Amino acid sequence: MNDLYSDVLIGHDILNRHSSVEIGFDGNRPPLTICSLAVAQVPPVSLFFNLNPNCRPLVTKTRRHTVKDNVFMALEVQKLLKEGAIEPSNSPWRAQAFVIRGEKYKPRMWRMSTLKQLINTLC
């Protein structure tokens, strides 16, 4: 499960066809056996419940990126779209993307992030 960026969900259609599901990890402890699972009944969370209905997006200039960063972001977006992790949106709200690089992310590992806190400061 390299590059896992979200929870893994195994549907009932798969579970009904098999007597058990095994997922291997690299841990050094003995296997952990779980006998049963409870069904999660979690209501979806509203993303913008705290916004005033009269709040409107502000227009800001798009950040400038290097050609290398633009290529990376385009490839990352295509990968996430293909994997179903994100979907196209025509929302007037946006969070500008940027690439983080640094010593903390070796070997020069890149990730794409967004400025989510910007929305919170506007309203």
PDB file of N, CA and C in Angstrom:
ATOM      1  N   MET A   1       0.832  -1.189   0.000  1.00  0.00           N
ATOM      2  CA  MET A   1       0.000   0.000   0.000  1.00  0.00           C
ATOM      3  C   MET A   1       0.872   1.246   0.000  1.00  0.00           C
ATOM      4  N   ASN A   2       1.754   1.318  -0.948  1.00  0.00           N
ATOM      5  CA  ASN A   2       2.620   2.487  -1.070  1.00  0.00           C
ATOM      6  C   ASN A   2       1.802   3.711  -1.439  1.00  0.00           C
ATOM      7  N   ASP A   3       2.221   4.867  -0.953  1.00  0.00           N
ATOM      8  CA  ASP A   3       1.589   6.147  -1.273  1.00  0.00           C
ATOM      9  C   ASP A   3       0.113   6.198  -0.897  1.00  0.00           C
ATOM     10  N   LEU A   4      -0.267   5.493   0.160  1.00  0.00           N
ATOM     11  CA  LEU A   4      -1.658   5.504   0.607  1.00  0.00           C
ATOM     12  C   LEU A   4      -1.977   6.868   1.186  1.00  0.00           C
ATOM     13  N   TYR A   5      -3.036   7.507   0.702  1.00  0.00           N
ATOM     14  CA  TYR A   5      -3.380   8.841   1.160  1.00  0.00           C
ATOM     15  C   TYR A   5      -4.768   8.913   1.754  1.00  0.00           C
ATOM     16  N   SER A   6      -5.444   7.784   1.895  1.00  0.00           N
ATOM     17  CA  SER A   6      -6.755   7.794   2.533  1.00  0.00           C
ATOM     18  C   SER A   6      -7.043   6.421   3.117  1.00  0.00           C
ATOM     19  N   ASP A   7      -8.162   6.323   3.839  1.00  0.00           N
ATOM     20  CA  ASP A   7      -8.562   5.055   4.423  1.00  0.00           C
ATOM     21  C   ASP A   7      -8.891   4.048   3.330  1.00  0.00           C
ATOM     22  N   VAL A   8      -8.763   2.789   3.667  1.00  0.00           N
ATOM     23  CA  VAL A   8      -9.134   1.722   2.750  1.00  0.00           C
ATOM     24  C   VAL A   8     -10.526   1.240   3.131  1.00  0.00           C
ATOM     25  N   LEU A   9     -11.431   1.208   2.175  1.00  0.00           N
ATOM     26  CA  LEU A   9     -12.781   0.708   2.399  1.00  0.00           C
ATOM     27  C   LEU A   9     -12.959  -0.573   1.595  1.00  0.00           C
ATOM     28  N   ILE A  10     -13.412  -1.618   2.260  1.00  0.00           N
ATOM     29  CA  ILE A  10     -13.686  -2.878   1.581  1.00  0.00           C
ATOM     30  C   ILE A  10     -15.193  -3.066   1.604  1.00  0.00           C
ATOM     31  N   GLY A  11     -15.801  -3.113   0.439  1.00  0.00           N
ATOM     32  CA  GLY A  11     -17.256  -3.171   0.333  1.00  0.00           C
ATOM     33  C   GLY A  11     -17.839  -4.525   0.691  1.00  0.00           C
ATOM     34  N   HIS A  12     -19.136  -4.518   0.990  1.00  0.00           N
ATOM     35  CA  HIS A  12     -19.846  -5.746   1.336  1.00  0.00           C
ATOM     36  C   HIS A  12     -19.834  -6.747   0.187  1.00  0.00           C
ATOM     37  N   ASP A  13     -19.804  -6.267  -1.053  1.00  0.00           N
ATOM     38  CA  ASP A  13     -19.770  -7.183  -2.192  1.00  0.00           C
ATOM     39  C   ASP A  13     -18.524  -8.060  -2.159  1.00  0.00           C
ATOM     40  N   ILE A  14     -17.405  -7.506  -1.714  1.00  0.00           N
ATOM     41  CA  ILE A  14     -16.162  -8.285  -1.589  1.00  0.00           C
ATOM     42  C   ILE A  14     -16.229  -9.178  -0.355  1.00  0.00           C
ATOM     43  N   LEU A  15     -16.632  -8.611   0.771  1.00  0.00           N
ATOM     44  CA  LEU A  15     -16.653  -9.368   2.022  1.00  0.00           C
ATOM     45  C   LEU A  15     -17.611 -10.552   1.958  1.00  0.00           C
ATOM     46  N   ASN A  16     -18.718 -10.431   1.239  1.00  0.00           N
ATOM     47  CA  ASN A  16     -19.682 -11.532   1.142  1.00  0.00           C
ATOM     48  C   ASN A  16     -19.148 -12.715   0.337  1.00  0.00           C
ATOM     49  N   ARG A  17     -18.140 -12.501  -0.485  1.00  0.00           N
ATOM     50  CA  ARG A  17     -17.595 -13.572  -1.327  1.00  0.00           C
ATOM     51  C   ARG A  17     -16.455 -14.341  -0.665  1.00  0.00           C
ATOM     52  N   HIS A  18     -15.933 -13.832   0.444  1.00  0.00           N
ATOM     53  CA  HIS A  18     -14.742 -14.436   1.044  1.00  0.00           C
ATOM     54  C   HIS A  18     -14.972 -14.734   2.525  1.00  0.00           C
ATOM     55  N   SER A  19     -14.256 -15.740   3.033  1.00  0.00           N
ATOM     56  CA  SER A  19     -14.393 -16.091   4.451  1.00  0.00           C
ATOM     57  C   SER A  19     -13.534 -15.214   5.341  1.00  0.00           C
ATOM     58  N   SER A  20     -12.469 -14.628   4.797  1.00  0.00           N
ATOM     59  CA  SER A  20     -11.623 -13.725   5.581  1.00  0.00           C
ATOM     60  C   SER A  20     -10.830 -12.831   4.631  1.00  0.00           C
ATOM     61  N   VAL A  21     -10.291 -11.757   5.191  1.00  0.00           N
ATOM     62  CA  VAL A  21      -9.461 -10.823   4.439  1.00  0.00           C
ATOM     63  C   VAL A  21      -8.155 -10.667   5.198  1.00  0.00           C
ATOM     64  N   GLU A  22      -7.036 -10.858   4.526  1.00  0.00           N
ATOM     65  CA  GLU A  22      -5.727 -10.703   5.157  1.00  0.00           C
ATOM     66  C   GLU A  22      -4.982  -9.555   4.500  1.00  0.00           C
ATOM     67  N   ILE A  23      -4.424  -8.683   5.327  1.00  0.00           N
ATOM     68  CA  ILE A  23      -3.635  -7.559   4.833  1.00  0.00           C
ATOM     69  C   ILE A  23      -2.274  -7.635   5.511  1.00  0.00           C
ATOM     70  N   GLY A  24      -1.226  -7.807   4.736  1.00  0.00           N
ATOM     71  CA  GLY A  24       0.113  -7.936   5.293  1.00  0.00           C
ATOM     72  C   GLY A  24       0.805  -6.592   5.457  1.00  0.00           C
ATOM     73  N   PHE A  25       1.508  -6.448   6.562  1.00  0.00           N
ATOM     74  CA  PHE A  25       2.295  -5.248   6.828  1.00  0.00           C
ATOM     75  C   PHE A  25       3.720  -5.667   7.165  1.00  0.00           C
ATOM     76  N   ASP A  26       4.600  -4.712   7.363  1.00  0.00           N
ATOM     77  CA  ASP A  26       6.002  -5.012   7.637  1.00  0.00           C
ATOM     78  C   ASP A  26       6.331  -5.055   9.122  1.00  0.00           C
ATOM     79  N   GLY A  27       5.335  -5.103   9.984  1.00  0.00           N
ATOM     80  CA  GLY A  27       5.581  -5.100  11.430  1.00  0.00           C
ATOM     81  C   GLY A  27       6.270  -6.368  11.893  1.00  0.00           C
ATOM     82  N   ASN A  28       6.912  -6.299  13.067  1.00  0.00           N
ATOM     83  CA  ASN A  28       7.646  -7.449  13.586  1.00  0.00           C
ATOM     84  C   ASN A  28       6.879  -8.186  14.683  1.00  0.00           C
ATOM     85  N   ARG A  29       5.663  -7.775  14.982  1.00  0.00           N
ATOM     86  CA  ARG A  29       4.854  -8.448  15.998  1.00  0.00           C
ATOM     87  C   ARG A  29       4.004  -9.530  15.339  1.00  0.00           C
ATOM     88  N   PRO A  30       3.473 -10.469  16.163  1.00  0.00           N
ATOM     89  CA  PRO A  30       2.633 -11.529  15.588  1.00  0.00           C
ATOM     90  C   PRO A  30       1.343 -10.962  14.999  1.00  0.00           C
ATOM     91  N   PRO A  31       0.659 -11.736  14.141  1.00  0.00           N
ATOM     92  CA  PRO A  31      -0.576 -11.252  13.511  1.00  0.00           C
ATOM     93  C   PRO A  31      -1.636 -10.859  14.534  1.00  0.00           C
ATOM     94  N   LEU A  32      -2.424  -9.882  14.185  1.00  0.00           N
ATOM     95  CA  LEU A  32      -3.551  -9.426  14.999  1.00  0.00           C
ATOM     96  C   LEU A  32      -4.818  -9.913  14.303  1.00  0.00           C
ATOM     97  N   THR A  33      -5.620 -10.697  15.008  1.00  0.00           N
ATOM     98  CA  THR A  33      -6.844 -11.241  14.424  1.00  0.00           C
ATOM     99  C   THR A  33      -8.043 -10.491  14.969  1.00  0.00           C
ATOM    100  N   ILE A  34      -8.879 -10.016  14.067  1.00  0.00           N
ATOM    101  CA  ILE A  34     -10.110  -9.322  14.447  1.00  0.00           C
ATOM    102  C   ILE A  34     -11.265 -10.221  14.025  1.00  0.00           C
ATOM    103  N   CYS A  35     -12.106 -10.584  14.988  1.00  0.00           N
ATOM    104  CA  CYS A  35     -13.173 -11.554  14.718  1.00  0.00           C
ATOM    105  C   CYS A  35     -14.370 -10.949  13.999  1.00  0.00           C
ATOM    106  N   SER A  36     -14.693  -9.717  14.303  1.00  0.00           N
ATOM    107  CA  SER A  36     -15.860  -9.115  13.661  1.00  0.00           C
ATOM    108  C   SER A  36     -15.676  -7.612  13.566  1.00  0.00           C
ATOM    109  N   LEU A  37     -16.442  -7.013  12.697  1.00  0.00           N
ATOM    110  CA  LEU A  37     -16.394  -5.570  12.500  1.00  0.00           C
ATOM    111  C   LEU A  37     -17.800  -5.011  12.630  1.00  0.00           C
ATOM    112  N   ALA A  38     -17.893  -3.804  13.121  1.00  0.00           N
ATOM    113  CA  ALA A  38     -19.189  -3.129  13.212  1.00  0.00           C
ATOM    114  C   ALA A  38     -19.383  -2.262  11.974  1.00  0.00           C
ATOM    115  N   VAL A  39     -20.618  -2.142  11.557  1.00  0.00           N
ATOM    116  CA  VAL A  39     -20.937  -1.291  10.416  1.00  0.00           C
ATOM    117  C   VAL A  39     -20.894   0.160  10.867  1.00  0.00           C
ATOM    118  N   ALA A  40     -20.182   0.982  10.135  1.00  0.00           N
ATOM    119  CA  ALA A  40     -20.086   2.403  10.482  1.00  0.00           C
ATOM    120  C   ALA A  40     -21.271   3.148   9.877  1.00  0.00           C
ATOM    121  N   GLN A  41     -21.991   3.865  10.705  1.00  0.00           N
ATOM    122  CA  GLN A  41     -23.112   4.698  10.250  1.00  0.00           C
ATOM    123  C   GLN A  41     -22.720   6.147  10.515  1.00  0.00           C
ATOM    124  N   VAL A  42     -21.879   6.689   9.662  1.00  0.00           N
ATOM    125  CA  VAL A  42     -21.348   8.030   9.862  1.00  0.00           C
ATOM    126  C   VAL A  42     -22.002   8.980   8.867  1.00  0.00           C
ATOM    127  N   PRO A  43     -22.737   9.985   9.363  1.00  0.00           N
ATOM    128  CA  PRO A  43     -23.349  10.935   8.430  1.00  0.00           C
ATOM    129  C   PRO A  43     -22.272  11.817   7.789  1.00  0.00           C
ATOM    130  N   PRO A  44     -22.456  12.192   6.528  1.00  0.00           N
ATOM    131  CA  PRO A  44     -21.467  13.065   5.892  1.00  0.00           C
ATOM    132  C   PRO A  44     -21.430  14.433   6.561  1.00  0.00           C
ATOM    133  N   VAL A  45     -20.248  15.000   6.632  1.00  0.00           N
ATOM    134  CA  VAL A  45     -20.054  16.291   7.279  1.00  0.00           C
ATOM    135  C   VAL A  45     -20.173  17.402   6.240  1.00  0.00           C
ATOM    136  N   SER A  46     -20.902  18.453   6.572  1.00  0.00           N
ATOM    137  CA  SER A  46     -20.998  19.608   5.689  1.00  0.00           C
ATOM    138  C   SER A  46     -19.683  20.375   5.757  1.00  0.00           C
ATOM    139  N   LEU A  47     -19.097  20.642   4.609  1.00  0.00           N
ATOM    140  CA  LEU A  47     -17.793  21.299   4.590  1.00  0.00           C
ATOM    141  C   LEU A  47     -17.859  22.789   4.901  1.00  0.00           C
ATOM    142  N   PHE A  48     -18.973  23.434   4.596  1.00  0.00           N
ATOM    143  CA  PHE A  48     -19.043  24.882   4.729  1.00  0.00           C
ATOM    144  C   PHE A  48     -20.181  25.326   5.643  1.00  0.00           C
ATOM    145  N   PHE A  49     -20.480  24.540   6.663  1.00  0.00           N
ATOM    146  CA  PHE A  49     -21.583  24.868   7.568  1.00  0.00           C
ATOM    147  C   PHE A  49     -21.359  26.174   8.323  1.00  0.00           C
ATOM    148  N   ASN A  50     -20.115  26.556   8.518  1.00  0.00           N
ATOM    149  CA  ASN A  50     -19.809  27.747   9.315  1.00  0.00           C
ATOM    150  C   ASN A  50     -19.773  29.036   8.493  1.00  0.00           C
ATOM    151  N   LEU A  51     -19.977  28.957   7.180  1.00  0.00           N
ATOM    152  CA  LEU A  51     -19.908  30.156   6.349  1.00  0.00           C
ATOM    153  C   LEU A  51     -21.225  30.915   6.368  1.00  0.00           C
ATOM    154  N   ASN A  52     -21.119  32.206   6.424  1.00  0.00           N
ATOM    155  CA  ASN A  52     -22.279  33.080   6.304  1.00  0.00           C
ATOM    156  C   ASN A  52     -22.804  32.955   4.874  1.00  0.00           C
ATOM    157  N   PRO A  53     -24.123  32.827   4.671  1.00  0.00           N
ATOM    158  CA  PRO A  53     -24.653  32.683   3.317  1.00  0.00           C
ATOM    159  C   PRO A  53     -24.303  33.858   2.399  1.00  0.00           C
ATOM    160  N   ASN A  54     -24.009  35.029   2.970  1.00  0.00           N
ATOM    161  CA  ASN A  54     -23.653  36.201   2.167  1.00  0.00           C
ATOM    162  C   ASN A  54     -22.159  36.272   1.850  1.00  0.00           C
ATOM    163  N   CYS A  55     -21.392  35.340   2.357  1.00  0.00           N
ATOM    164  CA  CYS A  55     -19.943  35.326   2.140  1.00  0.00           C
ATOM    165  C   CYS A  55     -19.648  34.922   0.696  1.00  0.00           C
ATOM    166  N   ARG A  56     -18.814  35.689   0.021  1.00  0.00           N
ATOM    167  CA  ARG A  56     -18.458  35.427  -1.374  1.00  0.00           C
ATOM    168  C   ARG A  56     -16.941  35.265  -1.488  1.00  0.00           C
ATOM    169  N   PRO A  57     -16.491  34.455  -2.439  1.00  0.00           N
ATOM    170  CA  PRO A  57     -15.051  34.271  -2.620  1.00  0.00           C
ATOM    171  C   PRO A  57     -14.367  35.571  -3.036  1.00  0.00           C
ATOM    172  N   LEU A  58     -13.142  35.751  -2.576  1.00  0.00           N
ATOM    173  CA  LEU A  58     -12.333  36.887  -3.002  1.00  0.00           C
ATOM    174  C   LEU A  58     -11.504  36.477  -4.210  1.00  0.00           C
ATOM    175  N   VAL A  59     -11.269  37.415  -5.086  1.00  0.00           N
ATOM    176  CA  VAL A  59     -10.430  37.145  -6.250  1.00  0.00           C
ATOM    177  C   VAL A  59      -8.989  37.456  -5.864  1.00  0.00           C
ATOM    178  N   THR A  60      -8.112  36.503  -6.090  1.00  0.00           N
ATOM    179  CA  THR A  60      -6.688  36.716  -5.823  1.00  0.00           C
ATOM    180  C   THR A  60      -5.896  36.298  -7.054  1.00  0.00           C
ATOM    181  N   LYS A  61      -4.724  36.867  -7.191  1.00  0.00           N
ATOM    182  CA  LYS A  61      -3.860  36.499  -8.312  1.00  0.00           C
ATOM    183  C   LYS A  61      -3.378  35.066  -8.126  1.00  0.00           C
ATOM    184  N   THR A  62      -3.262  34.370  -9.232  1.00  0.00           N
ATOM    185  CA  THR A  62      -2.746  33.012  -9.202  1.00  0.00           C
ATOM    186  C   THR A  62      -1.258  33.062  -8.889  1.00  0.00           C
ATOM    187  N   ARG A  63      -0.828  32.149  -8.038  1.00  0.00           N
ATOM    188  CA  ARG A  63       0.595  32.079  -7.697  1.00  0.00           C
ATOM    189  C   ARG A  63       1.401  31.651  -8.922  1.00  0.00           C
ATOM    190  N   ARG A  64       2.618  32.158  -9.007  1.00  0.00           N
ATOM    191  CA  ARG A  64       3.518  31.745 -10.082  1.00  0.00           C
ATOM    192  C   ARG A  64       4.293  30.516  -9.625  1.00  0.00           C
ATOM    193  N   HIS A  65       4.479  29.596 -10.552  1.00  0.00           N
ATOM    194  CA  HIS A  65       5.210  28.367 -10.260  1.00  0.00           C
ATOM    195  C   HIS A  65       6.268  28.157 -11.335  1.00  0.00           C
ATOM    196  N   THR A  66       7.284  27.402 -10.988  1.00  0.00           N
ATOM    197  CA  THR A  66       8.293  27.043 -11.982  1.00  0.00           C
ATOM    198  C   THR A  66       7.675  26.044 -12.958  1.00  0.00           C
ATOM    199  N   VAL A  67       8.296  25.890 -14.105  1.00  0.00           N
ATOM    200  CA  VAL A  67       7.823  24.915 -15.089  1.00  0.00           C
ATOM    201  C   VAL A  67       7.830  23.519 -14.469  1.00  0.00           C
ATOM    202  N   LYS A  68       8.882  23.224 -13.716  1.00  0.00           N
ATOM    203  CA  LYS A  68       9.010  21.915 -13.070  1.00  0.00           C
ATOM    204  C   LYS A  68       7.853  21.677 -12.096  1.00  0.00           C
ATOM    205  N   ASP A  69       7.498  22.695 -11.311  1.00  0.00           N
ATOM    206  CA  ASP A  69       6.388  22.566 -10.367  1.00  0.00           C
ATOM    207  C   ASP A  69       5.055  22.424 -11.097  1.00  0.00           C
ATOM    208  N   ASN A  70       4.864  23.171 -12.193  1.00  0.00           N
ATOM    209  CA  ASN A  70       3.626  23.054 -12.975  1.00  0.00           C
ATOM    210  C   ASN A  70       3.465  21.649 -13.548  1.00  0.00           C
ATOM    211  N   VAL A  71       4.554  21.082 -14.058  1.00  0.00           N
ATOM    212  CA  VAL A  71       4.508  19.719 -14.593  1.00  0.00           C
ATOM    213  C   VAL A  71       4.164  18.743 -13.475  1.00  0.00           C
ATOM    214  N   PHE A  72       4.823  18.896 -12.321  1.00  0.00           N
ATOM    215  CA  PHE A  72       4.546  18.015 -11.184  1.00  0.00           C
ATOM    216  C   PHE A  72       3.080  18.094 -10.778  1.00  0.00           C
ATOM    217  N   MET A  73       2.540  19.317 -10.647  1.00  0.00           N
ATOM    218  CA  MET A  73       1.150  19.474 -10.216  1.00  0.00           C
ATOM    219  C   MET A  73       0.180  18.886 -11.236  1.00  0.00           C
ATOM    220  N   ALA A  74       0.439  19.090 -12.522  1.00  0.00           N
ATOM    221  CA  ALA A  74      -0.446  18.538 -13.555  1.00  0.00           C
ATOM    222  C   ALA A  74      -0.454  17.011 -13.499  1.00  0.00           C
ATOM    223  N   LEU A  75       0.720  16.406 -13.344  1.00  0.00           N
ATOM    224  CA  LEU A  75       0.801  14.948 -13.246  1.00  0.00           C
ATOM    225  C   LEU A  75       0.119  14.438 -11.982  1.00  0.00           C
ATOM    226  N   GLU A  76       0.303  15.157 -10.874  1.00  0.00           N
ATOM    227  CA  GLU A  76      -0.308  14.752  -9.603  1.00  0.00           C
ATOM    228  C   GLU A  76      -1.832  14.826  -9.686  1.00  0.00           C
ATOM    229  N   VAL A  77      -2.354  15.887 -10.283  1.00  0.00           N
ATOM    230  CA  VAL A  77      -3.808  16.028 -10.435  1.00  0.00           C
ATOM    231  C   VAL A  77      -4.349  14.904 -11.313  1.00  0.00           C
ATOM    232  N   GLN A  78      -3.677  14.603 -12.428  1.00  0.00           N
ATOM    233  CA  GLN A  78      -4.129  13.514 -13.300  1.00  0.00           C
ATOM    234  C   GLN A  78      -4.122  12.177 -12.567  1.00  0.00           C
ATOM    235  N   LYS A  79      -3.083  11.949 -11.750  1.00  0.00           N
ATOM    236  CA  LYS A  79      -2.993  10.707 -10.985  1.00  0.00           C
ATOM    237  C   LYS A  79      -4.149  10.604  -9.991  1.00  0.00           C
ATOM    238  N   LEU A  80      -4.424  11.687  -9.265  1.00  0.00           N
ATOM    239  CA  LEU A  80      -5.499  11.680  -8.274  1.00  0.00           C
ATOM    240  C   LEU A  80      -6.872  11.544  -8.933  1.00  0.00           C
ATOM    241  N   LEU A  81      -7.067  12.166 -10.096  1.00  0.00           N
ATOM    242  CA  LEU A  81      -8.325  12.004 -10.837  1.00  0.00           C
ATOM    243  C   LEU A  81      -8.505  10.551 -11.272  1.00  0.00           C
ATOM    244  N   LYS A  82      -7.442   9.968 -11.809  1.00  0.00           N
ATOM    245  CA  LYS A  82      -7.497   8.583 -12.288  1.00  0.00           C
ATOM    246  C   LYS A  82      -7.802   7.618 -11.149  1.00  0.00           C
ATOM    247  N   GLU A  83      -7.239   7.879  -9.961  1.00  0.00           N
ATOM    248  CA  GLU A  83      -7.445   7.007  -8.808  1.00  0.00           C
ATOM    249  C   GLU A  83      -8.777   7.263  -8.115  1.00  0.00           C
ATOM    250  N   GLY A  84      -9.483   8.310  -8.525  1.00  0.00           N
ATOM    251  CA  GLY A  84     -10.773   8.609  -7.909  1.00  0.00           C
ATOM    252  C   GLY A  84     -10.667   9.311  -6.566  1.00  0.00           C
ATOM    253  N   ALA A  85      -9.479   9.814  -6.232  1.00  0.00           N
ATOM    254  CA  ALA A  85      -9.290  10.503  -4.954  1.00  0.00           C
ATOM    255  C   ALA A  85      -9.860  11.913  -4.992  1.00  0.00           C
ATOM    256  N   ILE A  86      -9.927  12.510  -6.180  1.00  0.00           N
ATOM    257  CA  ILE A  86     -10.504  13.839  -6.350  1.00  0.00           C
ATOM    258  C   ILE A  86     -11.442  13.798  -7.548  1.00  0.00           C
ATOM    259  N   GLU A  87     -12.261  14.830  -7.676  1.00  0.00           N
ATOM    260  CA  GLU A  87     -13.150  14.926  -8.833  1.00  0.00           C
ATOM    261  C   GLU A  87     -13.145  16.359  -9.331  1.00  0.00           C
ATOM    262  N   PRO A  88     -13.462  16.558 -10.604  1.00  0.00           N
ATOM    263  CA  PRO A  88     -13.498  17.922 -11.143  1.00  0.00           C
ATOM    264  C   PRO A  88     -14.520  18.777 -10.397  1.00  0.00           C
ATOM    265  N   SER A  89     -14.227  20.063 -10.283  1.00  0.00           N
ATOM    266  CA  SER A  89     -15.124  20.978  -9.578  1.00  0.00           C
ATOM    267  C   SER A  89     -15.174  22.311 -10.311  1.00  0.00           C
ATOM    268  N   ASN A  90     -16.348  22.911 -10.314  1.00  0.00           N
ATOM    269  CA  ASN A  90     -16.526  24.249 -10.876  1.00  0.00           C
ATOM    270  C   ASN A  90     -16.882  25.242  -9.781  1.00  0.00           C
ATOM    271  N   SER A  91     -16.454  24.976  -8.577  1.00  0.00           N
ATOM    272  CA  SER A  91     -16.770  25.825  -7.436  1.00  0.00           C
ATOM    273  C   SER A  91     -16.065  27.176  -7.553  1.00  0.00           C
ATOM    274  N   PRO A  92     -16.731  28.258  -7.127  1.00  0.00           N
ATOM    275  CA  PRO A  92     -16.059  29.556  -7.117  1.00  0.00           C
ATOM    276  C   PRO A  92     -14.999  29.633  -6.015  1.00  0.00           C
ATOM    277  N   TRP A  93     -15.059  28.718  -5.045  1.00  0.00           N
ATOM    278  CA  TRP A  93     -14.060  28.682  -3.978  1.00  0.00           C
ATOM    279  C   TRP A  93     -12.870  27.891  -4.473  1.00  0.00           C
ATOM    280  N   ARG A  94     -11.689  28.391  -4.206  1.00  0.00           N
ATOM    281  CA  ARG A  94     -10.506  27.642  -4.578  1.00  0.00           C
ATOM    282  C   ARG A  94      -9.452  27.812  -3.501  1.00  0.00           C
ATOM    283  N   ALA A  95      -8.589  26.856  -3.442  1.00  0.00           N
ATOM    284  CA  ALA A  95      -7.415  26.935  -2.587  1.00  0.00           C
ATOM    285  C   ALA A  95      -6.231  26.725  -3.516  1.00  0.00           C
ATOM    286  N   GLN A  96      -5.400  27.731  -3.644  1.00  0.00           N
ATOM    287  CA  GLN A  96      -4.289  27.640  -4.589  1.00  0.00           C
ATOM    288  C   GLN A  96      -3.318  26.543  -4.170  1.00  0.00           C
ATOM    289  N   ALA A  97      -2.874  25.806  -5.147  1.00  0.00           N
ATOM    290  CA  ALA A  97      -1.940  24.715  -4.890  1.00  0.00           C
ATOM    291  C   ALA A  97      -0.510  25.231  -4.890  1.00  0.00           C
ATOM    292  N   PHE A  98       0.330  24.563  -4.143  1.00  0.00           N
ATOM    293  CA  PHE A  98       1.753  24.873  -4.160  1.00  0.00           C
ATOM    294  C   PHE A  98       2.525  23.604  -3.857  1.00  0.00           C
ATOM    295  N   VAL A  99       3.781  23.583  -4.213  1.00  0.00           N
ATOM    296  CA  VAL A  99       4.625  22.410  -4.033  1.00  0.00           C
ATOM    297  C   VAL A  99       5.580  22.673  -2.884  1.00  0.00           C
ATOM    298  N   ILE A 100       5.687  21.699  -1.999  1.00  0.00           N
ATOM    299  CA  ILE A 100       6.589  21.818  -0.854  1.00  0.00           C
ATOM    300  C   ILE A 100       7.781  20.901  -1.101  1.00  0.00           C
ATOM    301  N   ARG A 101       8.964  21.472  -1.000  1.00  0.00           N
ATOM    302  CA  ARG A 101      10.191  20.695  -1.116  1.00  0.00           C
ATOM    303  C   ARG A 101      11.096  21.116   0.025  1.00  0.00           C
ATOM    304  N   GLY A 102      11.907  20.204   0.485  1.00  0.00           N
ATOM    305  CA  GLY A 102      12.830  20.599   1.535  1.00  0.00           C
ATOM    306  C   GLY A 102      13.567  19.422   2.132  1.00  0.00           C
ATOM    307  N   GLU A 103      14.433  19.728   3.058  1.00  0.00           N
ATOM    308  CA  GLU A 103      15.253  18.711   3.702  1.00  0.00           C
ATOM    309  C   GLU A 103      14.408  17.701   4.466  1.00  0.00           C
ATOM    310  N   LYS A 104      13.262  18.140   4.977  1.00  0.00           N
ATOM    311  CA  LYS A 104      12.401  17.247   5.750  1.00  0.00           C
ATOM    312  C   LYS A 104      11.852  16.118   4.880  1.00  0.00           C
ATOM    313  N   TYR A 105      11.728  16.362   3.565  1.00  0.00           N
ATOM    314  CA  TYR A 105      11.128  15.396   2.657  1.00  0.00           C
ATOM    315  C   TYR A 105      12.198  14.755   1.780  1.00  0.00           C
ATOM    316  N   LYS A 106      13.000  13.871   2.342  1.00  0.00           N
ATOM    317  CA  LYS A 106      14.075  13.220   1.588  1.00  0.00           C
ATOM    318  C   LYS A 106      13.561  11.917   1.027  1.00  0.00           C
ATOM    319  N   PRO A 107      14.048  11.460  -0.112  1.00  0.00           N
ATOM    320  CA  PRO A 107      14.930  12.152  -1.036  1.00  0.00           C
ATOM    321  C   PRO A 107      14.145  13.083  -1.957  1.00  0.00           C
ATOM    322  N   ARG A 108      14.188  14.342  -1.668  1.00  0.00           N
ATOM    323  CA  ARG A 108      13.513  15.406  -2.420  1.00  0.00           C
ATOM    324  C   ARG A 108      12.094  15.002  -2.809  1.00  0.00           C
ATOM    325  N   MET A 109      11.410  14.430  -1.836  1.00  0.00           N
ATOM    326  CA  MET A 109      10.037  14.012  -2.075  1.00  0.00           C
ATOM    327  C   MET A 109       9.157  15.243  -2.173  1.00  0.00           C
ATOM    328  N   TRP A 110       8.266  15.279  -3.112  1.00  0.00           N
ATOM    329  CA  TRP A 110       7.394  16.428  -3.317  1.00  0.00           C
ATOM    330  C   TRP A 110       5.981  16.044  -2.941  1.00  0.00           C
ATOM    331  N   ARG A 111       5.222  16.995  -2.501  1.00  0.00           N
ATOM    332  CA  ARG A 111       3.797  16.758  -2.306  1.00  0.00           C
ATOM    333  C   ARG A 111       3.054  18.022  -2.669  1.00  0.00           C
ATOM    334  N   MET A 112       1.832  17.866  -3.068  1.00  0.00           N
ATOM    335  CA  MET A 112       1.024  19.019  -3.419  1.00  0.00           C
ATOM    336  C   MET A 112       0.085  19.285  -2.258  1.00  0.00           C
ATOM    337  N   SER A 113      -0.087  20.531  -1.923  1.00  0.00           N
ATOM    338  CA  SER A 113      -0.936  20.905  -0.806  1.00  0.00           C
ATOM    339  C   SER A 113      -1.768  22.106  -1.217  1.00  0.00           C
ATOM    340  N   THR A 114      -2.726  22.472  -0.392  1.00  0.00           N
ATOM    341  CA  THR A 114      -3.543  23.647  -0.668  1.00  0.00           C
ATOM    342  C   THR A 114      -3.633  24.514   0.572  1.00  0.00           C
ATOM    343  N   LEU A 115      -3.966  25.766   0.366  1.00  0.00           N
ATOM    344  CA  LEU A 115      -4.084  26.710   1.473  1.00  0.00           C
ATOM    345  C   LEU A 115      -5.515  26.706   2.001  1.00  0.00           C
ATOM    346  N   LYS A 116      -5.901  25.653   2.716  1.00  0.00           N
ATOM    347  CA  LYS A 116      -7.265  25.535   3.219  1.00  0.00           C
ATOM    348  C   LYS A 116      -7.573  26.594   4.267  1.00  0.00           C
ATOM    349  N   GLN A 117      -6.571  26.987   5.036  1.00  0.00           N
ATOM    350  CA  GLN A 117      -6.827  27.969   6.086  1.00  0.00           C
ATOM    351  C   GLN A 117      -7.208  29.328   5.514  1.00  0.00           C
ATOM    352  N   LEU A 118      -6.896  29.579   4.242  1.00  0.00           N
ATOM    353  CA  LEU A 118      -7.254  30.848   3.620  1.00  0.00           C
ATOM    354  C   LEU A 118      -8.768  31.032   3.601  1.00  0.00           C
ATOM    355  N   ILE A 119      -9.508  29.984   3.300  1.00  0.00           N
ATOM    356  CA  ILE A 119     -10.972  30.070   3.297  1.00  0.00           C
ATOM    357  C   ILE A 119     -11.473  30.443   4.684  1.00  0.00           C
ATOM    358  N   ASN A 120     -10.886  29.855   5.711  1.00  0.00           N
ATOM    359  CA  ASN A 120     -11.331  30.125   7.079  1.00  0.00           C
ATOM    360  C   ASN A 120     -11.094  31.575   7.486  1.00  0.00           C
ATOM    361  N   THR A 121     -10.055  32.196   6.956  1.00  0.00           N
ATOM    362  CA  THR A 121      -9.756  33.575   7.351  1.00  0.00           C
ATOM    363  C   THR A 121     -10.625  34.586   6.616  1.00  0.00           C
ATOM    364  N   LEU A 122     -11.235  34.176   5.500  1.00  0.00           N
ATOM    365  CA  LEU A 122     -12.024  35.115   4.714  1.00  0.00           C
ATOM    366  C   LEU A 122     -13.407  35.366   5.292  1.00  0.00           C
ATOM    367  N   CYS A 123     -13.973  34.402   6.004  1.00  0.00           N
ATOM    368  CA  CYS A 123     -15.360  34.553   6.469  1.00  0.00           C
ATOM    369  C   CYS A 123     -15.473  34.393   7.973  1.00  0.00           C
TER     370      CYS A 123
END
